[in-house]
Amino acid sequence: MDYTVVIHAVEEGGYWVEVPALPGCFSQGETVEEALANARDAIESHVAALREDGLDVGQDHQLLIGKVHVPARSAVARRR
């Protein structure tokens, strides 16, 4: 099964990964490749634990990630 992951860069270096379909499933790594490999391991462990406890395994819902542009000096900031 495929899971959507969100990869976050960390200011100090490296990356952390969250799996939106599996709340509480996170991982990290020094490179994107390492973070993804660690995420795979985390997902496998997380799913196995859910199944062992008789809980539903979250399904990926094709999460879409986009960007919304907001001018640096928005209308709200100008009113202050």
N, C-alpha and C. Protein backbone atom coordinates (compact mmCIF):
# COMPACT_ATOMS: atom_id res chain seq x y z
N MET A 1 0.84 -1.18 0.00
CA MET A 1 0.00 0.00 0.00
C MET A 1 0.89 1.24 0.00
N ASP A 2 0.47 2.24 -0.71
CA ASP A 2 1.21 3.51 -0.76
C ASP A 2 0.62 4.48 0.24
N TYR A 3 1.48 5.24 0.89
CA TYR A 3 1.06 6.29 1.81
C TYR A 3 1.69 7.60 1.40
N THR A 4 0.91 8.66 1.44
CA THR A 4 1.43 10.00 1.21
C THR A 4 2.20 10.42 2.46
N VAL A 5 3.37 10.99 2.27
CA VAL A 5 4.15 11.51 3.38
C VAL A 5 4.43 12.99 3.13
N VAL A 6 4.59 13.73 4.19
CA VAL A 6 4.95 15.15 4.10
C VAL A 6 6.34 15.27 4.71
N ILE A 7 7.26 15.81 3.92
CA ILE A 7 8.65 15.93 4.33
C ILE A 7 8.92 17.38 4.72
N HIS A 8 9.42 17.57 5.93
CA HIS A 8 9.70 18.90 6.45
C HIS A 8 11.22 19.06 6.63
N ALA A 9 11.76 20.14 6.11
CA ALA A 9 13.17 20.46 6.36
C ALA A 9 13.28 21.02 7.77
N VAL A 10 14.38 20.67 8.44
CA VAL A 10 14.62 21.14 9.80
C VAL A 10 15.72 22.20 9.75
N GLU A 11 15.53 23.30 10.46
CA GLU A 11 16.51 24.40 10.43
C GLU A 11 17.93 23.94 10.74
N GLU A 12 18.06 23.02 11.70
CA GLU A 12 19.38 22.56 12.12
C GLU A 12 20.00 21.59 11.11
N GLY A 13 19.23 21.19 10.11
CA GLY A 13 19.68 20.21 9.13
C GLY A 13 18.87 18.94 9.25
N GLY A 14 18.74 18.25 8.16
CA GLY A 14 17.97 17.02 8.14
C GLY A 14 16.50 17.27 7.85
N TYR A 15 15.72 16.21 7.97
CA TYR A 15 14.31 16.25 7.60
C TYR A 15 13.50 15.40 8.57
N TRP A 16 12.23 15.75 8.75
CA TRP A 16 11.32 14.88 9.47
C TRP A 16 10.12 14.64 8.58
N VAL A 17 9.52 13.49 8.76
CA VAL A 17 8.45 13.03 7.88
C VAL A 17 7.22 12.68 8.71
N GLU A 18 6.06 13.13 8.25
CA GLU A 18 4.81 12.73 8.87
C GLU A 18 3.97 11.97 7.86
N VAL A 19 3.11 11.11 8.36
CA VAL A 19 2.23 10.30 7.52
C VAL A 19 0.79 10.67 7.90
N PRO A 20 0.15 11.58 7.16
CA PRO A 20 -1.17 12.08 7.55
C PRO A 20 -2.24 10.98 7.74
N ALA A 21 -2.18 9.91 6.98
CA ALA A 21 -3.18 8.85 7.11
C ALA A 21 -2.97 8.00 8.36
N LEU A 22 -1.80 8.14 9.00
CA LEU A 22 -1.48 7.37 10.20
C LEU A 22 -1.07 8.33 11.31
N PRO A 23 -2.03 8.95 11.97
CA PRO A 23 -1.69 9.91 13.03
C PRO A 23 -0.72 9.29 14.05
N GLY A 24 0.31 10.05 14.37
CA GLY A 24 1.32 9.58 15.30
C GLY A 24 2.48 8.86 14.65
N CYS A 25 2.43 8.70 13.33
CA CYS A 25 3.51 8.02 12.61
C CYS A 25 4.44 9.08 12.03
N PHE A 26 5.64 9.15 12.59
CA PHE A 26 6.65 10.14 12.19
C PHE A 26 7.99 9.45 12.02
N SER A 27 8.89 10.11 11.32
CA SER A 27 10.26 9.61 11.20
C SER A 27 11.16 10.79 10.87
N GLN A 28 12.45 10.52 10.73
CA GLN A 28 13.40 11.58 10.40
C GLN A 28 14.61 10.98 9.72
N GLY A 29 15.46 11.86 9.17
CA GLY A 29 16.70 11.43 8.55
C GLY A 29 17.54 12.63 8.19
N GLU A 30 18.82 12.38 7.96
CA GLU A 30 19.74 13.46 7.59
C GLU A 30 19.54 13.91 6.15
N THR A 31 19.11 13.00 5.27
CA THR A 31 18.83 13.33 3.88
C THR A 31 17.38 12.95 3.58
N VAL A 32 16.85 13.44 2.47
CA VAL A 32 15.49 13.07 2.07
C VAL A 32 15.40 11.56 1.87
N GLU A 33 16.41 10.99 1.24
CA GLU A 33 16.40 9.54 0.98
C GLU A 33 16.38 8.75 2.29
N GLU A 34 17.20 9.17 3.26
CA GLU A 34 17.24 8.49 4.55
C GLU A 34 15.91 8.68 5.29
N ALA A 35 15.36 9.88 5.23
CA ALA A 35 14.08 10.14 5.89
C ALA A 35 12.97 9.27 5.30
N LEU A 36 12.97 9.10 3.98
CA LEU A 36 11.96 8.25 3.33
C LEU A 36 12.15 6.78 3.69
N ALA A 37 13.39 6.33 3.73
CA ALA A 37 13.65 4.93 4.11
C ALA A 37 13.21 4.69 5.55
N ASN A 38 13.51 5.64 6.43
CA ASN A 38 13.10 5.52 7.82
C ASN A 38 11.58 5.60 7.95
N ALA A 39 10.94 6.41 7.10
CA ALA A 39 9.48 6.51 7.10
C ALA A 39 8.86 5.17 6.70
N ARG A 40 9.45 4.50 5.74
CA ARG A 40 8.95 3.18 5.32
C ARG A 40 8.95 2.23 6.51
N ASP A 41 10.06 2.21 7.25
CA ASP A 41 10.17 1.36 8.44
C ASP A 41 9.12 1.76 9.49
N ALA A 42 8.97 3.07 9.69
CA ALA A 42 8.00 3.56 10.67
C ALA A 42 6.58 3.17 10.29
N ILE A 43 6.25 3.28 9.00
CA ILE A 43 4.91 2.91 8.54
C ILE A 43 4.66 1.43 8.76
N GLU A 44 5.63 0.60 8.40
CA GLU A 44 5.47 -0.85 8.59
C GLU A 44 5.24 -1.18 10.06
N SER A 45 6.01 -0.58 10.95
CA SER A 45 5.87 -0.83 12.38
C SER A 45 4.54 -0.31 12.91
N HIS A 46 4.16 0.86 12.46
CA HIS A 46 2.91 1.48 12.90
C HIS A 46 1.71 0.64 12.48
N VAL A 47 1.69 0.22 11.22
CA VAL A 47 0.59 -0.60 10.70
C VAL A 47 0.54 -1.94 11.43
N ALA A 48 1.70 -2.55 11.67
CA ALA A 48 1.74 -3.83 12.38
C ALA A 48 1.17 -3.67 13.79
N ALA A 49 1.51 -2.58 14.48
CA ALA A 49 1.01 -2.34 15.83
C ALA A 49 -0.50 -2.13 15.82
N LEU A 50 -1.01 -1.38 14.85
CA LEU A 50 -2.45 -1.18 14.74
C LEU A 50 -3.18 -2.51 14.54
N ARG A 51 -2.66 -3.32 13.63
CA ARG A 51 -3.29 -4.62 13.36
C ARG A 51 -3.24 -5.52 14.59
N GLU A 52 -2.11 -5.52 15.29
CA GLU A 52 -1.95 -6.34 16.48
C GLU A 52 -2.97 -5.94 17.56
N ASP A 53 -3.27 -4.65 17.63
CA ASP A 53 -4.24 -4.16 18.61
C ASP A 53 -5.68 -4.23 18.10
N GLY A 54 -5.86 -4.75 16.88
CA GLY A 54 -7.20 -4.88 16.32
C GLY A 54 -7.82 -3.56 15.90
N LEU A 55 -6.98 -2.57 15.63
CA LEU A 55 -7.47 -1.24 15.24
C LEU A 55 -7.44 -1.09 13.72
N ASP A 56 -8.24 -0.15 13.23
CA ASP A 56 -8.28 0.12 11.80
C ASP A 56 -6.96 0.73 11.34
N VAL A 57 -6.52 0.30 10.19
CA VAL A 57 -5.33 0.87 9.58
C VAL A 57 -5.79 2.02 8.68
N GLY A 58 -5.22 3.20 8.92
CA GLY A 58 -5.62 4.37 8.14
C GLY A 58 -5.37 4.18 6.65
N GLN A 59 -6.28 4.70 5.87
CA GLN A 59 -6.17 4.64 4.42
C GLN A 59 -5.73 6.00 3.90
N ASP A 60 -4.87 5.98 2.92
CA ASP A 60 -4.42 7.21 2.29
C ASP A 60 -5.55 7.78 1.45
N HIS A 61 -5.80 9.06 1.56
CA HIS A 61 -6.90 9.70 0.84
C HIS A 61 -6.39 10.69 -0.20
N GLN A 62 -5.29 10.37 -0.83
CA GLN A 62 -4.71 11.21 -1.87
C GLN A 62 -4.64 12.67 -1.44
N LEU A 63 -3.92 12.89 -0.39
CA LEU A 63 -3.71 14.23 0.14
C LEU A 63 -3.10 15.12 -0.94
N LEU A 64 -3.64 16.29 -1.09
CA LEU A 64 -3.10 17.26 -2.03
C LEU A 64 -2.47 18.40 -1.23
N ILE A 65 -1.29 18.80 -1.63
CA ILE A 65 -0.60 19.89 -0.95
C ILE A 65 -0.39 21.00 -1.96
N GLY A 66 -0.74 22.20 -1.61
CA GLY A 66 -0.60 23.33 -2.51
C GLY A 66 -0.03 24.52 -1.76
N LYS A 67 0.13 25.59 -2.48
CA LYS A 67 0.62 26.83 -1.89
C LYS A 67 -0.39 27.93 -2.18
N VAL A 68 -0.51 28.84 -1.24
CA VAL A 68 -1.36 30.01 -1.39
C VAL A 68 -0.47 31.22 -1.16
N HIS A 69 -0.44 32.13 -2.11
CA HIS A 69 0.39 33.32 -1.99
C HIS A 69 -0.36 34.40 -1.21
N VAL A 70 0.29 34.96 -0.22
CA VAL A 70 -0.24 36.09 0.53
C VAL A 70 0.84 37.16 0.49
N PRO A 71 0.51 38.34 -0.02
CA PRO A 71 1.52 39.40 -0.09
C PRO A 71 2.13 39.65 1.28
N ALA A 72 3.39 40.02 1.29
CA ALA A 72 4.12 40.25 2.54
C ALA A 72 3.41 41.29 3.40
N ARG A 73 2.85 42.28 2.78
CA ARG A 73 2.11 43.32 3.52
C ARG A 73 0.66 43.22 3.09
N SER A 74 -0.07 42.38 3.77
CA SER A 74 -1.46 42.13 3.40
C SER A 74 -2.37 43.27 3.87
N ALA A 75 -3.63 43.22 3.48
CA ALA A 75 -4.61 44.24 3.85
C ALA A 75 -4.77 44.30 5.36
N VAL A 76 -4.70 43.18 6.04
CA VAL A 76 -4.83 43.16 7.50
C VAL A 76 -3.69 43.94 8.14
N ALA A 77 -2.48 43.76 7.65
CA ALA A 77 -1.32 44.45 8.22
C ALA A 77 -1.41 45.96 7.98
N ARG A 78 -1.95 46.37 6.83
CA ARG A 78 -2.04 47.80 6.50
C ARG A 78 -3.03 48.53 7.40
N ARG A 79 -4.04 47.82 7.91
CA ARG A 79 -5.05 48.46 8.75
C ARG A 79 -4.56 48.74 10.16
N ARG A 80 -3.47 48.16 10.54
CA ARG A 80 -3.00 48.32 11.93
C ARG A 80 -2.22 49.56 12.12
